[in-house]
Amino acid sequence: MTFSRTVCRQRLVSRVILHDDPQQEVWTRISIPPDHSVSNVAQWHINYAKHQIVCDGNGGHEWLRFNHELSNFTFHVKWRFLR
């Protein structure tokens, strides 16, 4: 409880939008395991209109890496299955 109270009292300094501009190269696709090449069919796409990062579930194994290092932050995620 002490930690929760401390976090609530801190002021939000800035906000980073992870899916803001389709022209910027802010994400890198990396295969699992990383020594394999990425698939020709992307597993992930960014829906800029809905502000969503979506896994298409095409059978490949990869993840997206955000190309900017962040520190000292709270990561807020809303998770749901689309199908």
PDB file of N, CA and C in Angstrom:
ATOM      1  N   MET A   1       0.807  -1.197   0.000  1.00  0.00           N
ATOM      2  CA  MET A   1       0.000   0.000   0.000  1.00  0.00           C
ATOM      3  C   MET A   1       0.850   1.262   0.000  1.00  0.00           C
ATOM      4  N   THR A   2       1.962   1.240   0.654  1.00  0.00           N
ATOM      5  CA  THR A   2       2.834   2.406   0.650  1.00  0.00           C
ATOM      6  C   THR A   2       3.268   2.749  -0.760  1.00  0.00           C
ATOM      7  N   PHE A   3       3.619   1.726  -1.556  1.00  0.00           N
ATOM      8  CA  PHE A   3       4.041   1.954  -2.935  1.00  0.00           C
ATOM      9  C   PHE A   3       2.915   2.580  -3.737  1.00  0.00           C
ATOM     10  N   SER A   4       1.699   2.096  -3.597  1.00  0.00           N
ATOM     11  CA  SER A   4       0.559   2.642  -4.343  1.00  0.00           C
ATOM     12  C   SER A   4       0.333   4.109  -4.016  1.00  0.00           C
ATOM     13  N   ARG A   5       0.418   4.460  -2.749  1.00  0.00           N
ATOM     14  CA  ARG A   5       0.222   5.858  -2.373  1.00  0.00           C
ATOM     15  C   ARG A   5       1.319   6.749  -2.961  1.00  0.00           C
ATOM     16  N   THR A   6       2.534   6.261  -2.958  1.00  0.00           N
ATOM     17  CA  THR A   6       3.655   7.028  -3.499  1.00  0.00           C
ATOM     18  C   THR A   6       3.468   7.284  -4.988  1.00  0.00           C
ATOM     19  N   VAL A   7       3.075   6.259  -5.729  1.00  0.00           N
ATOM     20  CA  VAL A   7       2.870   6.400  -7.172  1.00  0.00           C
ATOM     21  C   VAL A   7       1.743   7.378  -7.465  1.00  0.00           C
ATOM     22  N   CYS A   8       0.688   7.348  -6.712  1.00  0.00           N
ATOM     23  CA  CYS A   8      -0.442   8.241  -6.954  1.00  0.00           C
ATOM     24  C   CYS A   8      -0.085   9.707  -6.720  1.00  0.00           C
ATOM     25  N   ARG A   9       0.848   9.972  -5.816  1.00  0.00           N
ATOM     26  CA  ARG A   9       1.221  11.351  -5.523  1.00  0.00           C
ATOM     27  C   ARG A   9       2.201  11.928  -6.527  1.00  0.00           C
ATOM     28  N   GLN A  10       2.848  11.089  -7.313  1.00  0.00           N
ATOM     29  CA  GLN A  10       3.813  11.601  -8.283  1.00  0.00           C
ATOM     30  C   GLN A  10       3.091  12.283  -9.440  1.00  0.00           C
ATOM     31  N   ARG A  11       3.713  13.342  -9.935  1.00  0.00           N
ATOM     32  CA  ARG A  11       3.127  14.089 -11.043  1.00  0.00           C
ATOM     33  C   ARG A  11       3.539  13.466 -12.369  1.00  0.00           C
ATOM     34  N   LEU A  12       2.625  13.343 -13.292  1.00  0.00           N
ATOM     35  CA  LEU A  12       2.929  12.835 -14.626  1.00  0.00           C
ATOM     36  C   LEU A  12       3.677  13.911 -15.398  1.00  0.00           C
ATOM     37  N   VAL A  13       4.907  13.624 -15.776  1.00  0.00           N
ATOM     38  CA  VAL A  13       5.745  14.620 -16.434  1.00  0.00           C
ATOM     39  C   VAL A  13       5.506  14.641 -17.933  1.00  0.00           C
ATOM     40  N   SER A  14       5.465  13.477 -18.563  1.00  0.00           N
ATOM     41  CA  SER A  14       5.239  13.432 -20.000  1.00  0.00           C
ATOM     42  C   SER A  14       4.563  12.121 -20.364  1.00  0.00           C
ATOM     43  N   ARG A  15       4.064  12.063 -21.574  1.00  0.00           N
ATOM     44  CA  ARG A  15       3.366  10.878 -22.048  1.00  0.00           C
ATOM     45  C   ARG A  15       3.956  10.486 -23.391  1.00  0.00           C
ATOM     46  N   VAL A  16       4.241   9.205 -23.563  1.00  0.00           N
ATOM     47  CA  VAL A  16       4.783   8.695 -24.812  1.00  0.00           C
ATOM     48  C   VAL A  16       3.690   7.903 -25.508  1.00  0.00           C
ATOM     49  N   ILE A  17       3.375   8.269 -26.740  1.00  0.00           N
ATOM     50  CA  ILE A  17       2.398   7.545 -27.533  1.00  0.00           C
ATOM     51  C   ILE A  17       3.160   6.529 -28.370  1.00  0.00           C
ATOM     52  N   LEU A  18       2.855   5.253 -28.191  1.00  0.00           N
ATOM     53  CA  LEU A  18       3.609   4.198 -28.855  1.00  0.00           C
ATOM     54  C   LEU A  18       3.151   3.937 -30.284  1.00  0.00           C
ATOM     55  N   HIS A  19       2.058   4.524 -30.694  1.00  0.00           N
ATOM     56  CA  HIS A  19       1.508   4.257 -32.029  1.00  0.00           C
ATOM     57  C   HIS A  19       1.006   5.549 -32.653  1.00  0.00           C
ATOM     58  N   ASP A  20       1.887   6.540 -32.719  1.00  0.00           N
ATOM     59  CA  ASP A  20       1.475   7.888 -33.093  1.00  0.00           C
ATOM     60  C   ASP A  20       1.556   8.171 -34.586  1.00  0.00           C
ATOM     61  N   ASP A  21       2.691   7.955 -35.217  1.00  0.00           N
ATOM     62  CA  ASP A  21       2.930   8.434 -36.581  1.00  0.00           C
ATOM     63  C   ASP A  21       3.332   7.275 -37.483  1.00  0.00           C
ATOM     64  N   PRO A  22       2.522   6.946 -38.497  1.00  0.00           N
ATOM     65  CA  PRO A  22       2.866   5.827 -39.381  1.00  0.00           C
ATOM     66  C   PRO A  22       4.129   6.053 -40.201  1.00  0.00           C
ATOM     67  N   GLN A  23       4.575   7.288 -40.320  1.00  0.00           N
ATOM     68  CA  GLN A  23       5.772   7.568 -41.107  1.00  0.00           C
ATOM     69  C   GLN A  23       7.066   7.321 -40.332  1.00  0.00           C
ATOM     70  N   GLN A  24       6.988   7.285 -39.023  1.00  0.00           N
ATOM     71  CA  GLN A  24       8.185   7.095 -38.210  1.00  0.00           C
ATOM     72  C   GLN A  24       8.476   5.609 -38.029  1.00  0.00           C
ATOM     73  N   GLU A  25       9.741   5.280 -38.048  1.00  0.00           N
ATOM     74  CA  GLU A  25      10.182   3.906 -37.802  1.00  0.00           C
ATOM     75  C   GLU A  25      10.422   3.740 -36.305  1.00  0.00           C
ATOM     76  N   VAL A  26       9.361   3.565 -35.538  1.00  0.00           N
ATOM     77  CA  VAL A  26       9.511   3.472 -34.089  1.00  0.00           C
ATOM     78  C   VAL A  26       9.481   2.033 -33.581  1.00  0.00           C
ATOM     79  N   TRP A  27       9.217   1.076 -34.458  1.00  0.00           N
ATOM     80  CA  TRP A  27       9.140  -0.331 -34.076  1.00  0.00           C
ATOM     81  C   TRP A  27      10.071  -1.173 -34.937  1.00  0.00           C
ATOM     82  N   THR A  28      10.636  -2.222 -34.344  1.00  0.00           N
ATOM     83  CA  THR A  28      11.458  -3.180 -35.073  1.00  0.00           C
ATOM     84  C   THR A  28      10.906  -4.577 -34.823  1.00  0.00           C
ATOM     85  N   ARG A  29      10.707  -5.331 -35.893  1.00  0.00           N
ATOM     86  CA  ARG A  29      10.270  -6.727 -35.771  1.00  0.00           C
ATOM     87  C   ARG A  29      11.475  -7.597 -35.471  1.00  0.00           C
ATOM     88  N   ILE A  30      11.355  -8.466 -34.474  1.00  0.00           N
ATOM     89  CA  ILE A  30      12.420  -9.396 -34.103  1.00  0.00           C
ATOM     90  C   ILE A  30      11.822 -10.789 -33.995  1.00  0.00           C
ATOM     91  N   SER A  31      12.500 -11.756 -34.606  1.00  0.00           N
ATOM     92  CA  SER A  31      11.974 -13.121 -34.607  1.00  0.00           C
ATOM     93  C   SER A  31      12.258 -13.813 -33.281  1.00  0.00           C
ATOM     94  N   ILE A  32      11.509 -14.873 -33.031  1.00  0.00           N
ATOM     95  CA  ILE A  32      11.726 -15.746 -31.877  1.00  0.00           C
ATOM     96  C   ILE A  32      12.024 -17.131 -32.440  1.00  0.00           C
ATOM     97  N   PRO A  33      13.205 -17.670 -32.203  1.00  0.00           N
ATOM     98  CA  PRO A  33      14.373 -17.113 -31.530  1.00  0.00           C
ATOM     99  C   PRO A  33      15.036 -16.044 -32.400  1.00  0.00           C
ATOM    100  N   PRO A  34      15.794 -15.161 -31.767  1.00  0.00           N
ATOM    101  CA  PRO A  34      16.334 -13.991 -32.481  1.00  0.00           C
ATOM    102  C   PRO A  34      17.365 -14.309 -33.556  1.00  0.00           C
ATOM    103  N   ASP A  35      17.906 -15.523 -33.582  1.00  0.00           N
ATOM    104  CA  ASP A  35      18.892 -15.843 -34.624  1.00  0.00           C
ATOM    105  C   ASP A  35      18.241 -16.285 -35.931  1.00  0.00           C
ATOM    106  N   HIS A  36      16.917 -16.442 -35.960  1.00  0.00           N
ATOM    107  CA  HIS A  36      16.189 -16.726 -37.198  1.00  0.00           C
ATOM    108  C   HIS A  36      15.772 -15.417 -37.865  1.00  0.00           C
ATOM    109  N   SER A  37      15.507 -15.481 -39.164  1.00  0.00           N
ATOM    110  CA  SER A  37      15.034 -14.277 -39.853  1.00  0.00           C
ATOM    111  C   SER A  37      13.534 -14.099 -39.612  1.00  0.00           C
ATOM    112  N   VAL A  38      13.064 -12.870 -39.725  1.00  0.00           N
ATOM    113  CA  VAL A  38      11.628 -12.621 -39.547  1.00  0.00           C
ATOM    114  C   VAL A  38      10.869 -13.168 -40.749  1.00  0.00           C
ATOM    115  N   SER A  39       9.634 -13.516 -40.523  1.00  0.00           N
ATOM    116  CA  SER A  39       8.769 -14.070 -41.560  1.00  0.00           C
ATOM    117  C   SER A  39       8.449 -13.001 -42.610  1.00  0.00           C
ATOM    118  N   ASN A  40       8.096 -13.443 -43.809  1.00  0.00           N
ATOM    119  CA  ASN A  40       7.642 -12.515 -44.848  1.00  0.00           C
ATOM    120  C   ASN A  40       6.293 -11.898 -44.486  1.00  0.00           C
ATOM    121  N   VAL A  41       5.516 -12.621 -43.686  1.00  0.00           N
ATOM    122  CA  VAL A  41       4.211 -12.136 -43.245  1.00  0.00           C
ATOM    123  C   VAL A  41       4.364 -11.604 -41.823  1.00  0.00           C
ATOM    124  N   ALA A  42       4.079 -10.333 -41.633  1.00  0.00           N
ATOM    125  CA  ALA A  42       4.220  -9.717 -40.313  1.00  0.00           C
ATOM    126  C   ALA A  42       3.140 -10.221 -39.364  1.00  0.00           C
ATOM    127  N   GLN A  43       3.546 -10.586 -38.151  1.00  0.00           N
ATOM    128  CA  GLN A  43       2.608 -10.998 -37.108  1.00  0.00           C
ATOM    129  C   GLN A  43       1.886  -9.806 -36.504  1.00  0.00           C
ATOM    130  N   TRP A  44       2.554  -8.679 -36.450  1.00  0.00           N
ATOM    131  CA  TRP A  44       2.042  -7.492 -35.765  1.00  0.00           C
ATOM    132  C   TRP A  44       1.813  -6.356 -36.749  1.00  0.00           C
ATOM    133  N   HIS A  45       0.800  -5.561 -36.492  1.00  0.00           N
ATOM    134  CA  HIS A  45       0.627  -4.320 -37.232  1.00  0.00           C
ATOM    135  C   HIS A  45       0.089  -3.246 -36.285  1.00  0.00           C
ATOM    136  N   ILE A  46       0.287  -2.016 -36.674  1.00  0.00           N
ATOM    137  CA  ILE A  46      -0.182  -0.879 -35.892  1.00  0.00           C
ATOM    138  C   ILE A  46      -1.417  -0.326 -36.580  1.00  0.00           C
ATOM    139  N   ASN A  47      -2.534  -0.276 -35.857  1.00  0.00           N
ATOM    140  CA  ASN A  47      -3.754   0.341 -36.368  1.00  0.00           C
ATOM    141  C   ASN A  47      -3.755   1.780 -35.866  1.00  0.00           C
ATOM    142  N   TYR A  48      -3.311   2.707 -36.710  1.00  0.00           N
ATOM    143  CA  TYR A  48      -3.149   4.096 -36.301  1.00  0.00           C
ATOM    144  C   TYR A  48      -4.489   4.783 -36.066  1.00  0.00           C
ATOM    145  N   ALA A  49      -5.513   4.392 -36.797  1.00  0.00           N
ATOM    146  CA  ALA A  49      -6.826   5.005 -36.619  1.00  0.00           C
ATOM    147  C   ALA A  49      -7.424   4.672 -35.250  1.00  0.00           C
ATOM    148  N   LYS A  50      -7.221   3.430 -34.791  1.00  0.00           N
ATOM    149  CA  LYS A  50      -7.773   2.996 -33.498  1.00  0.00           C
ATOM    150  C   LYS A  50      -6.749   3.072 -32.363  1.00  0.00           C
ATOM    151  N   HIS A  51      -5.516   3.470 -32.672  1.00  0.00           N
ATOM    152  CA  HIS A  51      -4.441   3.542 -31.674  1.00  0.00           C
ATOM    153  C   HIS A  51      -4.234   2.189 -31.010  1.00  0.00           C
ATOM    154  N   GLN A  52      -4.057   1.156 -31.846  1.00  0.00           N
ATOM    155  CA  GLN A  52      -3.890  -0.203 -31.334  1.00  0.00           C
ATOM    156  C   GLN A  52      -2.680  -0.872 -31.961  1.00  0.00           C
ATOM    157  N   ILE A  53      -2.023  -1.707 -31.172  1.00  0.00           N
ATOM    158  CA  ILE A  53      -0.982  -2.607 -31.655  1.00  0.00           C
ATOM    159  C   ILE A  53      -1.628  -3.981 -31.683  1.00  0.00           C
ATOM    160  N   VAL A  54      -1.681  -4.613 -32.863  1.00  0.00           N
ATOM    161  CA  VAL A  54      -2.474  -5.819 -33.043  1.00  0.00           C
ATOM    162  C   VAL A  54      -1.595  -6.985 -33.497  1.00  0.00           C
ATOM    163  N   CYS A  55      -1.766  -8.135 -32.849  1.00  0.00           N
ATOM    164  CA  CYS A  55      -1.137  -9.374 -33.308  1.00  0.00           C
ATOM    165  C   CYS A  55      -2.143 -10.100 -34.184  1.00  0.00           C
ATOM    166  N   ASP A  56      -1.771 -10.379 -35.438  1.00  0.00           N
ATOM    167  CA  ASP A  56      -2.676 -11.032 -36.373  1.00  0.00           C
ATOM    168  C   ASP A  56      -2.749 -12.542 -36.177  1.00  0.00           C
ATOM    169  N   GLY A  57      -1.780 -13.128 -35.481  1.00  0.00           N
ATOM    170  CA  GLY A  57      -1.805 -14.565 -35.224  1.00  0.00           C
ATOM    171  C   GLY A  57      -1.658 -15.390 -36.487  1.00  0.00           C
ATOM    172  N   ASN A  58      -0.731 -14.999 -37.366  1.00  0.00           N
ATOM    173  CA  ASN A  58      -0.545 -15.680 -38.642  1.00  0.00           C
ATOM    174  C   ASN A  58       0.308 -16.933 -38.544  1.00  0.00           C
ATOM    175  N   GLY A  59       0.648 -17.357 -37.340  1.00  0.00           N
ATOM    176  CA  GLY A  59       1.426 -18.573 -37.178  1.00  0.00           C
ATOM    177  C   GLY A  59       2.912 -18.368 -37.034  1.00  0.00           C
ATOM    178  N   GLY A  60       3.395 -17.165 -37.194  1.00  0.00           N
ATOM    179  CA  GLY A  60       4.812 -16.890 -37.025  1.00  0.00           C
ATOM    180  C   GLY A  60       5.134 -16.619 -35.565  1.00  0.00           C
ATOM    181  N   HIS A  61       6.412 -16.460 -35.286  1.00  0.00           N
ATOM    182  CA  HIS A  61       6.848 -16.165 -33.925  1.00  0.00           C
ATOM    183  C   HIS A  61       7.769 -14.952 -33.960  1.00  0.00           C
ATOM    184  N   GLU A  62       7.256 -13.816 -33.528  1.00  0.00           N
ATOM    185  CA  GLU A  62       8.054 -12.603 -33.487  1.00  0.00           C
ATOM    186  C   GLU A  62       7.472 -11.647 -32.461  1.00  0.00           C
ATOM    187  N   TRP A  63       8.233 -10.626 -32.152  1.00  0.00           N
ATOM    188  CA  TRP A  63       7.776  -9.590 -31.243  1.00  0.00           C
ATOM    189  C   TRP A  63       8.193  -8.238 -31.781  1.00  0.00           C
ATOM    190  N   LEU A  64       7.578  -7.188 -31.263  1.00  0.00           N
ATOM    191  CA  LEU A  64       7.914  -5.823 -31.671  1.00  0.00           C
ATOM    192  C   LEU A  64       8.729  -5.161 -30.584  1.00  0.00           C
ATOM    193  N   ARG A  65       9.806  -4.511 -30.988  1.00  0.00           N
ATOM    194  CA  ARG A  65      10.622  -3.741 -30.049  1.00  0.00           C
ATOM    195  C   ARG A  65      10.429  -2.261 -30.347  1.00  0.00           C
ATOM    196  N   PHE A  66      10.117  -1.487 -29.317  1.00  0.00           N
ATOM    197  CA  PHE A  66      10.019  -0.037 -29.446  1.00  0.00           C
ATOM    198  C   PHE A  66      11.438   0.502 -29.560  1.00  0.00           C
ATOM    199  N   ASN A  67      11.718   1.333 -30.549  1.00  0.00           N
ATOM    200  CA  ASN A  67      13.082   1.745 -30.866  1.00  0.00           C
ATOM    201  C   ASN A  67      13.647   2.848 -29.989  1.00  0.00           C
ATOM    202  N   HIS A  68      12.914   3.271 -28.986  1.00  0.00           N
ATOM    203  CA  HIS A  68      13.410   4.307 -28.082  1.00  0.00           C
ATOM    204  C   HIS A  68      13.461   3.733 -26.675  1.00  0.00           C
ATOM    205  N   GLU A  69      14.585   3.921 -26.015  1.00  0.00           N
ATOM    206  CA  GLU A  69      14.732   3.415 -24.652  1.00  0.00           C
ATOM    207  C   GLU A  69      13.954   4.295 -23.684  1.00  0.00           C
ATOM    208  N   LEU A  70      13.209   3.662 -22.804  1.00  0.00           N
ATOM    209  CA  LEU A  70      12.426   4.370 -21.793  1.00  0.00           C
ATOM    210  C   LEU A  70      12.906   3.930 -20.417  1.00  0.00           C
ATOM    211  N   SER A  71      12.731   4.791 -19.431  1.00  0.00           N
ATOM    212  CA  SER A  71      13.079   4.410 -18.064  1.00  0.00           C
ATOM    213  C   SER A  71      12.164   5.129 -17.087  1.00  0.00           C
ATOM    214  N   ASN A  72      12.030   4.530 -15.908  1.00  0.00           N
ATOM    215  CA  ASN A  72      11.250   5.113 -14.832  1.00  0.00           C
ATOM    216  C   ASN A  72       9.841   5.475 -15.303  1.00  0.00           C
ATOM    217  N   PHE A  73       9.072   4.479 -15.668  1.00  0.00           N
ATOM    218  CA  PHE A  73       7.749   4.734 -16.224  1.00  0.00           C
ATOM    219  C   PHE A  73       6.750   3.672 -15.766  1.00  0.00           C
ATOM    220  N   THR A  74       5.499   3.982 -15.957  1.00  0.00           N
ATOM    221  CA  THR A  74       4.415   3.028 -15.756  1.00  0.00           C
ATOM    222  C   THR A  74       3.870   2.687 -17.126  1.00  0.00           C
ATOM    223  N   PHE A  75       3.776   1.402 -17.412  1.00  0.00           N
ATOM    224  CA  PHE A  75       3.302   0.933 -18.718  1.00  0.00           C
ATOM    225  C   PHE A  75       1.852   0.515 -18.573  1.00  0.00           C
ATOM    226  N   HIS A  76       0.944   1.197 -19.265  1.00  0.00           N
ATOM    227  CA  HIS A  76      -0.490   0.924 -19.184  1.00  0.00           C
ATOM    228  C   HIS A  76      -0.910   0.150 -20.435  1.00  0.00           C
ATOM    229  N   VAL A  77      -1.482  -1.031 -20.226  1.00  0.00           N
ATOM    230  CA  VAL A  77      -1.884  -1.894 -21.342  1.00  0.00           C
ATOM    231  C   VAL A  77      -3.337  -2.299 -21.173  1.00  0.00           C
ATOM    232  N   LYS A  78      -4.079  -2.249 -22.274  1.00  0.00           N
ATOM    233  CA  LYS A  78      -5.420  -2.834 -22.323  1.00  0.00           C
ATOM    234  C   LYS A  78      -5.314  -4.040 -23.249  1.00  0.00           C
ATOM    235  N   TRP A  79      -5.657  -5.195 -22.768  1.00  0.00           N
ATOM    236  CA  TRP A  79      -5.474  -6.445 -23.492  1.00  0.00           C
ATOM    237  C   TRP A  79      -6.813  -7.072 -23.792  1.00  0.00           C
ATOM    238  N   ARG A  80      -7.007  -7.536 -25.045  1.00  0.00           N
ATOM    239  CA  ARG A  80      -8.234  -8.254 -25.381  1.00  0.00           C
ATOM    240  C   ARG A  80      -8.010  -9.110 -26.620  1.00  0.00           C
ATOM    241  N   PHE A  81      -8.811 -10.143 -26.755  1.00  0.00           N
ATOM    242  CA  PHE A  81      -8.774 -11.001 -27.936  1.00  0.00           C
ATOM    243  C   PHE A  81      -9.816 -10.486 -28.927  1.00  0.00           C
ATOM    244  N   LEU A  82      -9.417 -10.355 -30.194  1.00  0.00           N
ATOM    245  CA  LEU A  82     -10.311  -9.821 -31.212  1.00  0.00           C
ATOM    246  C   LEU A  82     -11.146 -10.891 -31.894  1.00  0.00           C
ATOM    247  N   ARG A  83     -10.692 -12.135 -31.848  1.00  0.00           N
ATOM    248  CA  ARG A  83     -11.432 -13.200 -32.547  1.00  0.00           C
ATOM    249  C   ARG A  83     -12.116 -14.103 -31.585  1.00  0.00           C
TER     250      ARG A  83
END
